[in-house]
Structures are given as C-alpha cells and as structure tokens.
Amino acid sequence: MSVLVLNAGSSSLKVSVVEAGATLLQTGVDADRDAPERTLAAVRAALAEAGIEGIDVVGHRIVHGGERLVAPVL
C-alpha cells in the first residue's frame, strides 16, 4: 500500500511516499497559495520523477488543530 503524506507549511509543502515501512520519496515543493494548481503540478512532477504511479491512501499532517482537534486522530 502506497501512502502519500503531505505536511503543509506557510510557504512549502513537504511530500513523502511510504510503502511497507520504506520511504520511496521525501521532498519538498514550493506552495503557491495564489495558484494551487502550480503546487499540485509540482507534487505530480515529483511523483513522476520518482517513478511513483499510484497512491492508495493520502495523509495530511496538521500541526495545530485548534480547539476541536486536541489529540491525534486518523
């Protein structure tokens, strides 16, 4: 199972792909809030460059969940 993990910062997006405990990709791309399609294109390019053709699950890391998310959730 391939898992795409995203970690959004204020100006960058960290991108990882893991499979069976092995890291297949770990990189970062510039996050463009005014043109999110550019950020998506950069993620797709990174996946293609790493030879990753399919993703089964996507996870997103949230550093601060506000008052509603006060503990880890899946």
PDB file of N, CA and C in Angstrom:
ATOM      1  N   MET A   1       0.851  -1.170   0.000  1.00  0.00           N
ATOM      2  CA  MET A   1       0.000   0.000   0.000  1.00  0.00           C
ATOM      3  C   MET A   1       0.898   1.235   0.000  1.00  0.00           C
ATOM      4  N   SER A   2       0.710   2.106  -0.970  1.00  0.00           N
ATOM      5  CA  SER A   2       1.467   3.363  -1.058  1.00  0.00           C
ATOM      6  C   SER A   2       0.701   4.475  -0.359  1.00  0.00           C
ATOM      7  N   VAL A   3       1.399   5.169   0.552  1.00  0.00           N
ATOM      8  CA  VAL A   3       0.779   6.242   1.321  1.00  0.00           C
ATOM      9  C   VAL A   3       1.477   7.552   0.983  1.00  0.00           C
ATOM     10  N   LEU A   4       0.717   8.514   0.491  1.00  0.00           N
ATOM     11  CA  LEU A   4       1.214   9.864   0.231  1.00  0.00           C
ATOM     12  C   LEU A   4       0.964  10.682   1.489  1.00  0.00           C
ATOM     13  N   VAL A   5       2.037  11.248   2.047  1.00  0.00           N
ATOM     14  CA  VAL A   5       1.926  12.041   3.269  1.00  0.00           C
ATOM     15  C   VAL A   5       2.288  13.479   2.939  1.00  0.00           C
ATOM     16  N   LEU A   6       1.396  14.412   3.258  1.00  0.00           N
ATOM     17  CA  LEU A   6       1.601  15.831   2.990  1.00  0.00           C
ATOM     18  C   LEU A   6       1.720  16.582   4.308  1.00  0.00           C
ATOM     19  N   ASN A   7       2.622  17.550   4.334  1.00  0.00           N
ATOM     20  CA  ASN A   7       2.827  18.384   5.520  1.00  0.00           C
ATOM     21  C   ASN A   7       2.961  19.819   5.021  1.00  0.00           C
ATOM     22  N   ALA A   8       1.887  20.570   5.118  1.00  0.00           N
ATOM     23  CA  ALA A   8       1.862  21.933   4.587  1.00  0.00           C
ATOM     24  C   ALA A   8       2.426  22.922   5.586  1.00  0.00           C
ATOM     25  N   GLY A   9       3.355  23.746   5.116  1.00  0.00           N
ATOM     26  CA  GLY A   9       3.883  24.851   5.901  1.00  0.00           C
ATOM     27  C   GLY A   9       3.362  26.156   5.331  1.00  0.00           C
ATOM     28  N   SER A  10       3.894  27.249   5.791  1.00  0.00           N
ATOM     29  CA  SER A  10       3.410  28.548   5.327  1.00  0.00           C
ATOM     30  C   SER A  10       3.793  28.822   3.879  1.00  0.00           C
ATOM     31  N   SER A  11       4.915  28.300   3.417  1.00  0.00           N
ATOM     32  CA  SER A  11       5.334  28.568   2.039  1.00  0.00           C
ATOM     33  C   SER A  11       5.857  27.328   1.332  1.00  0.00           C
ATOM     34  N   SER A  12       5.771  26.184   1.977  1.00  0.00           N
ATOM     35  CA  SER A  12       6.255  24.961   1.342  1.00  0.00           C
ATOM     36  C   SER A  12       5.336  23.800   1.684  1.00  0.00           C
ATOM     37  N   LEU A  13       5.483  22.752   0.913  1.00  0.00           N
ATOM     38  CA  LEU A  13       4.706  21.541   1.125  1.00  0.00           C
ATOM     39  C   LEU A  13       5.685  20.377   1.116  1.00  0.00           C
ATOM     40  N   LYS A  14       5.794  19.684   2.247  1.00  0.00           N
ATOM     41  CA  LYS A  14       6.652  18.506   2.311  1.00  0.00           C
ATOM     42  C   LYS A  14       5.842  17.326   1.809  1.00  0.00           C
ATOM     43  N   VAL A  15       6.479  16.516   0.972  1.00  0.00           N
ATOM     44  CA  VAL A  15       5.808  15.404   0.317  1.00  0.00           C
ATOM     45  C   VAL A  15       6.613  14.134   0.569  1.00  0.00           C
ATOM     46  N   SER A  16       5.949  13.110   1.077  1.00  0.00           N
ATOM     47  CA  SER A  16       6.592  11.814   1.279  1.00  0.00           C
ATOM     48  C   SER A  16       5.676  10.729   0.751  1.00  0.00           C
ATOM     49  N   VAL A  17       6.292   9.658   0.280  1.00  0.00           N
ATOM     50  CA  VAL A  17       5.542   8.459  -0.070  1.00  0.00           C
ATOM     51  C   VAL A  17       6.225   7.298   0.638  1.00  0.00           C
ATOM     52  N   VAL A  18       5.434   6.546   1.393  1.00  0.00           N
ATOM     53  CA  VAL A  18       5.951   5.375   2.094  1.00  0.00           C
ATOM     54  C   VAL A  18       5.154   4.151   1.668  1.00  0.00           C
ATOM     55  N   GLU A  19       5.863   3.018   1.709  1.00  0.00           N
ATOM     56  CA  GLU A  19       5.219   1.761   1.344  1.00  0.00           C
ATOM     57  C   GLU A  19       5.864   0.656   2.162  1.00  0.00           C
ATOM     58  N   ALA A  20       5.087  -0.049   2.934  1.00  0.00           N
ATOM     59  CA  ALA A  20       5.571  -1.148   3.772  1.00  0.00           C
ATOM     60  C   ALA A  20       6.762  -0.719   4.620  1.00  0.00           C
ATOM     61  N   GLY A  21       6.690   0.472   5.182  1.00  0.00           N
ATOM     62  CA  GLY A  21       7.742   0.965   6.062  1.00  0.00           C
ATOM     63  C   GLY A  21       8.943   1.573   5.366  1.00  0.00           C
ATOM     64  N   ALA A  22       9.007   1.485   4.046  1.00  0.00           N
ATOM     65  CA  ALA A  22      10.124   2.061   3.289  1.00  0.00           C
ATOM     66  C   ALA A  22       9.715   3.412   2.720  1.00  0.00           C
ATOM     67  N   THR A  23      10.614   4.382   2.790  1.00  0.00           N
ATOM     68  CA  THR A  23      10.349   5.702   2.219  1.00  0.00           C
ATOM     69  C   THR A  23      10.739   5.683   0.750  1.00  0.00           C
ATOM     70  N   LEU A  24       9.763   5.881  -0.132  1.00  0.00           N
ATOM     71  CA  LEU A  24      10.011   5.896  -1.570  1.00  0.00           C
ATOM     72  C   LEU A  24      10.320   7.291  -2.079  1.00  0.00           C
ATOM     73  N   LEU A  25       9.819   8.300  -1.390  1.00  0.00           N
ATOM     74  CA  LEU A  25      10.015   9.693  -1.798  1.00  0.00           C
ATOM     75  C   LEU A  25       9.950  10.573  -0.563  1.00  0.00           C
ATOM     76  N   GLN A  26      10.865  11.516  -0.499  1.00  0.00           N
ATOM     77  CA  GLN A  26      10.818  12.528   0.562  1.00  0.00           C
ATOM     78  C   GLN A  26      11.399  13.801  -0.038  1.00  0.00           C
ATOM     79  N   THR A  27      10.527  14.786  -0.258  1.00  0.00           N
ATOM     80  CA  THR A  27      10.951  16.020  -0.911  1.00  0.00           C
ATOM     81  C   THR A  27      10.064  17.162  -0.443  1.00  0.00           C
ATOM     82  N   GLY A  28      10.347  18.316  -0.932  1.00  0.00           N
ATOM     83  CA  GLY A  28       9.524  19.483  -0.650  1.00  0.00           C
ATOM     84  C   GLY A  28       9.290  20.260  -1.928  1.00  0.00           C
ATOM     85  N   VAL A  29       8.156  20.910  -2.015  1.00  0.00           N
ATOM     86  CA  VAL A  29       7.838  21.760  -3.165  1.00  0.00           C
ATOM     87  C   VAL A  29       7.372  23.113  -2.636  1.00  0.00           C
ATOM     88  N   ASP A  30       7.512  24.135  -3.464  1.00  0.00           N
ATOM     89  CA  ASP A  30       7.007  25.457  -3.093  1.00  0.00           C
ATOM     90  C   ASP A  30       5.485  25.432  -3.102  1.00  0.00           C
ATOM     91  N   ALA A  31       4.884  26.012  -2.087  1.00  0.00           N
ATOM     92  CA  ALA A  31       3.430  26.110  -2.009  1.00  0.00           C
ATOM     93  C   ALA A  31       3.018  27.492  -2.496  1.00  0.00           C
ATOM     94  N   ASP A  32       2.184  27.525  -3.516  1.00  0.00           N
ATOM     95  CA  ASP A  32       1.711  28.785  -4.083  1.00  0.00           C
ATOM     96  C   ASP A  32       0.233  28.932  -3.744  1.00  0.00           C
ATOM     97  N   ARG A  33      -0.074  29.700  -2.708  1.00  0.00           N
ATOM     98  CA  ARG A  33      -1.464  29.859  -2.262  1.00  0.00           C
ATOM     99  C   ARG A  33      -2.335  30.570  -3.303  1.00  0.00           C
ATOM    100  N   ASP A  34      -1.713  31.398  -4.147  1.00  0.00           N
ATOM    101  CA  ASP A  34      -2.473  32.120  -5.165  1.00  0.00           C
ATOM    102  C   ASP A  34      -2.736  31.268  -6.402  1.00  0.00           C
ATOM    103  N   ALA A  35      -1.967  30.206  -6.571  1.00  0.00           N
ATOM    104  CA  ALA A  35      -2.141  29.327  -7.728  1.00  0.00           C
ATOM    105  C   ALA A  35      -1.912  27.881  -7.280  1.00  0.00           C
ATOM    106  N   PRO A  36      -2.878  27.303  -6.554  1.00  0.00           N
ATOM    107  CA  PRO A  36      -2.685  25.947  -6.034  1.00  0.00           C
ATOM    108  C   PRO A  36      -2.441  24.913  -7.128  1.00  0.00           C
ATOM    109  N   GLU A  37      -2.878  25.205  -8.350  1.00  0.00           N
ATOM    110  CA  GLU A  37      -2.627  24.261  -9.441  1.00  0.00           C
ATOM    111  C   GLU A  37      -1.131  24.110  -9.704  1.00  0.00           C
ATOM    112  N   ARG A  38      -0.346  25.147  -9.431  1.00  0.00           N
ATOM    113  CA  ARG A  38       1.117  25.043  -9.578  1.00  0.00           C
ATOM    114  C   ARG A  38       1.693  24.105  -8.526  1.00  0.00           C
ATOM    115  N   THR A  39       1.178  24.194  -7.315  1.00  0.00           N
ATOM    116  CA  THR A  39       1.638  23.304  -6.250  1.00  0.00           C
ATOM    117  C   THR A  39       1.284  21.864  -6.586  1.00  0.00           C
ATOM    118  N   LEU A  40       0.064  21.630  -7.053  1.00  0.00           N
ATOM    119  CA  LEU A  40      -0.357  20.290  -7.443  1.00  0.00           C
ATOM    120  C   LEU A  40       0.512  19.762  -8.579  1.00  0.00           C
ATOM    121  N   ALA A  41       0.822  20.610  -9.552  1.00  0.00           N
ATOM    122  CA  ALA A  41       1.686  20.198 -10.666  1.00  0.00           C
ATOM    123  C   ALA A  41       3.077  19.820 -10.164  1.00  0.00           C
ATOM    124  N   ALA A  42       3.591  20.549  -9.183  1.00  0.00           N
ATOM    125  CA  ALA A  42       4.911  20.238  -8.621  1.00  0.00           C
ATOM    126  C   ALA A  42       4.890  18.899  -7.887  1.00  0.00           C
ATOM    127  N   VAL A  43       3.806  18.610  -7.170  1.00  0.00           N
ATOM    128  CA  VAL A  43       3.678  17.324  -6.485  1.00  0.00           C
ATOM    129  C   VAL A  43       3.616  16.203  -7.512  1.00  0.00           C
ATOM    130  N   ARG A  44       2.810  16.380  -8.542  1.00  0.00           N
ATOM    131  CA  ARG A  44       2.704  15.359  -9.595  1.00  0.00           C
ATOM    132  C   ARG A  44       4.045  15.129 -10.277  1.00  0.00           C
ATOM    133  N   ALA A  45       4.790  16.203 -10.525  1.00  0.00           N
ATOM    134  CA  ALA A  45       6.106  16.082 -11.158  1.00  0.00           C
ATOM    135  C   ALA A  45       7.070  15.315 -10.257  1.00  0.00           C
ATOM    136  N   ALA A  46       7.037  15.589  -8.957  1.00  0.00           N
ATOM    137  CA  ALA A  46       7.913  14.878  -8.018  1.00  0.00           C
ATOM    138  C   ALA A  46       7.576  13.391  -7.983  1.00  0.00           C
ATOM    139  N   LEU A  47       6.291  13.064  -7.994  1.00  0.00           N
ATOM    140  CA  LEU A  47       5.874  11.664  -8.011  1.00  0.00           C
ATOM    141  C   LEU A  47       6.332  10.980  -9.294  1.00  0.00           C
ATOM    142  N   ALA A  48       6.155  11.649 -10.424  1.00  0.00           N
ATOM    143  CA  ALA A  48       6.562  11.080 -11.711  1.00  0.00           C
ATOM    144  C   ALA A  48       8.071  10.887 -11.770  1.00  0.00           C
ATOM    145  N   GLU A  49       8.821  11.864 -11.295  1.00  0.00           N
ATOM    146  CA  GLU A  49      10.283  11.779 -11.313  1.00  0.00           C
ATOM    147  C   GLU A  49      10.779  10.608 -10.461  1.00  0.00           C
ATOM    148  N   ALA A  50      10.064  10.307  -9.391  1.00  0.00           N
ATOM    149  CA  ALA A  50      10.429   9.188  -8.517  1.00  0.00           C
ATOM    150  C   ALA A  50       9.899   7.852  -9.044  1.00  0.00           C
ATOM    151  N   GLY A  51       9.133   7.891 -10.144  1.00  0.00           N
ATOM    152  CA  GLY A  51       8.588   6.671 -10.723  1.00  0.00           C
ATOM    153  C   GLY A  51       7.394   6.113  -9.976  1.00  0.00           C
ATOM    154  N   ILE A  52       6.727   6.952  -9.218  1.00  0.00           N
ATOM    155  CA  ILE A  52       5.562   6.520  -8.437  1.00  0.00           C
ATOM    156  C   ILE A  52       4.316   6.753  -9.278  1.00  0.00           C
ATOM    157  N   GLU A  53       3.619   5.654  -9.576  1.00  0.00           N
ATOM    158  CA  GLU A  53       2.475   5.742 -10.484  1.00  0.00           C
ATOM    159  C   GLU A  53       1.127   5.664  -9.786  1.00  0.00           C
ATOM    160  N   GLY A  54       1.097   5.168  -8.576  1.00  0.00           N
ATOM    161  CA  GLY A  54      -0.186   5.024  -7.902  1.00  0.00           C
ATOM    162  C   GLY A  54      -0.075   5.289  -6.415  1.00  0.00           C
ATOM    163  N   ILE A  55      -1.111   5.865  -5.864  1.00  0.00           N
ATOM    164  CA  ILE A  55      -1.201   6.157  -4.435  1.00  0.00           C
ATOM    165  C   ILE A  55      -2.488   5.514  -3.929  1.00  0.00           C
ATOM    166  N   ASP A  56      -2.391   4.798  -2.816  1.00  0.00           N
ATOM    167  CA  ASP A  56      -3.570   4.141  -2.251  1.00  0.00           C
ATOM    168  C   ASP A  56      -4.262   4.981  -1.186  1.00  0.00           C
ATOM    169  N   VAL A  57      -3.470   5.714  -0.399  1.00  0.00           N
ATOM    170  CA  VAL A  57      -4.004   6.467   0.731  1.00  0.00           C
ATOM    171  C   VAL A  57      -3.254   7.785   0.833  1.00  0.00           C
ATOM    172  N   VAL A  58      -3.956   8.834   1.258  1.00  0.00           N
ATOM    173  CA  VAL A  58      -3.322  10.138   1.472  1.00  0.00           C
ATOM    174  C   VAL A  58      -3.519  10.531   2.929  1.00  0.00           C
ATOM    175  N   GLY A  59      -2.433  11.003   3.541  1.00  0.00           N
ATOM    176  CA  GLY A  59      -2.495  11.520   4.905  1.00  0.00           C
ATOM    177  C   GLY A  59      -1.969  12.940   4.919  1.00  0.00           C
ATOM    178  N   HIS A  60      -2.508  13.770   5.798  1.00  0.00           N
ATOM    179  CA  HIS A  60      -2.060  15.160   5.897  1.00  0.00           C
ATOM    180  C   HIS A  60      -1.765  15.465   7.352  1.00  0.00           C
ATOM    181  N   ARG A  61      -0.580  15.988   7.596  1.00  0.00           N
ATOM    182  CA  ARG A  61      -0.188  16.331   8.963  1.00  0.00           C
ATOM    183  C   ARG A  61      -0.672  17.739   9.280  1.00  0.00           C
ATOM    184  N   ILE A  62      -1.362  17.868  10.393  1.00  0.00           N
ATOM    185  CA  ILE A  62      -1.822  19.171  10.860  1.00  0.00           C
ATOM    186  C   ILE A  62      -1.118  19.452  12.182  1.00  0.00           C
ATOM    187  N   VAL A  63      -0.401  20.556  12.251  1.00  0.00           N
ATOM    188  CA  VAL A  63       0.352  20.883  13.454  1.00  0.00           C
ATOM    189  C   VAL A  63      -0.572  21.391  14.550  1.00  0.00           C
ATOM    190  N   HIS A  64      -1.522  22.234  14.189  1.00  0.00           N
ATOM    191  CA  HIS A  64      -2.414  22.813  15.189  1.00  0.00           C
ATOM    192  C   HIS A  64      -3.845  22.659  14.713  1.00  0.00           C
ATOM    193  N   GLY A  65      -4.623  21.888  15.442  1.00  0.00           N
ATOM    194  CA  GLY A  65      -5.995  21.627  15.048  1.00  0.00           C
ATOM    195  C   GLY A  65      -7.016  22.529  15.709  1.00  0.00           C
ATOM    196  N   GLY A  66      -6.548  23.555  16.404  1.00  0.00           N
ATOM    197  CA  GLY A  66      -7.480  24.460  17.065  1.00  0.00           C
ATOM    198  C   GLY A  66      -8.108  23.814  18.283  1.00  0.00           C
ATOM    199  N   GLU A  67      -9.278  24.267  18.643  1.00  0.00           N
ATOM    200  CA  GLU A  67      -9.950  23.758  19.836  1.00  0.00           C
ATOM    201  C   GLU A  67     -10.599  22.398  19.600  1.00  0.00           C
ATOM    202  N   ARG A  68     -10.872  22.059  18.341  1.00  0.00           N
ATOM    203  CA  ARG A  68     -11.588  20.823  18.045  1.00  0.00           C
ATOM    204  C   ARG A  68     -10.675  19.605  17.998  1.00  0.00           C
ATOM    205  N   LEU A  69      -9.463  19.772  17.493  1.00  0.00           N
ATOM    206  CA  LEU A  69      -8.546  18.641  17.366  1.00  0.00           C
ATOM    207  C   LEU A  69      -7.438  18.797  18.397  1.00  0.00           C
ATOM    208  N   VAL A  70      -7.617  18.163  19.533  1.00  0.00           N
ATOM    209  CA  VAL A  70      -6.667  18.334  20.637  1.00  0.00           C
ATOM    210  C   VAL A  70      -5.841  17.073  20.893  1.00  0.00           C
ATOM    211  N   ALA A  71      -6.090  16.017  20.112  1.00  0.00           N
ATOM    212  CA  ALA A  71      -5.343  14.768  20.237  1.00  0.00           C
ATOM    213  C   ALA A  71      -5.157  14.189  18.837  1.00  0.00           C
ATOM    214  N   PRO A  72      -4.198  13.278  18.657  1.00  0.00           N
ATOM    215  CA  PRO A  72      -4.019  12.662  17.339  1.00  0.00           C
ATOM    216  C   PRO A  72      -5.307  11.984  16.873  1.00  0.00           C
ATOM    217  N   VAL A  73      -5.609  12.104  15.583  1.00  0.00           N
ATOM    218  CA  VAL A  73      -6.788  11.467  15.004  1.00  0.00           C
ATOM    219  C   VAL A  73      -6.419  10.840  13.673  1.00  0.00           C
ATOM    220  N   LEU A  74      -7.147   9.812  13.301  1.00  0.00           N
ATOM    221  CA  LEU A  74      -6.991   9.169  11.991  1.00  0.00           C
ATOM    222  C   LEU A  74      -8.293   9.255  11.253  1.00  0.00           C
TER     223      LEU A  74
END
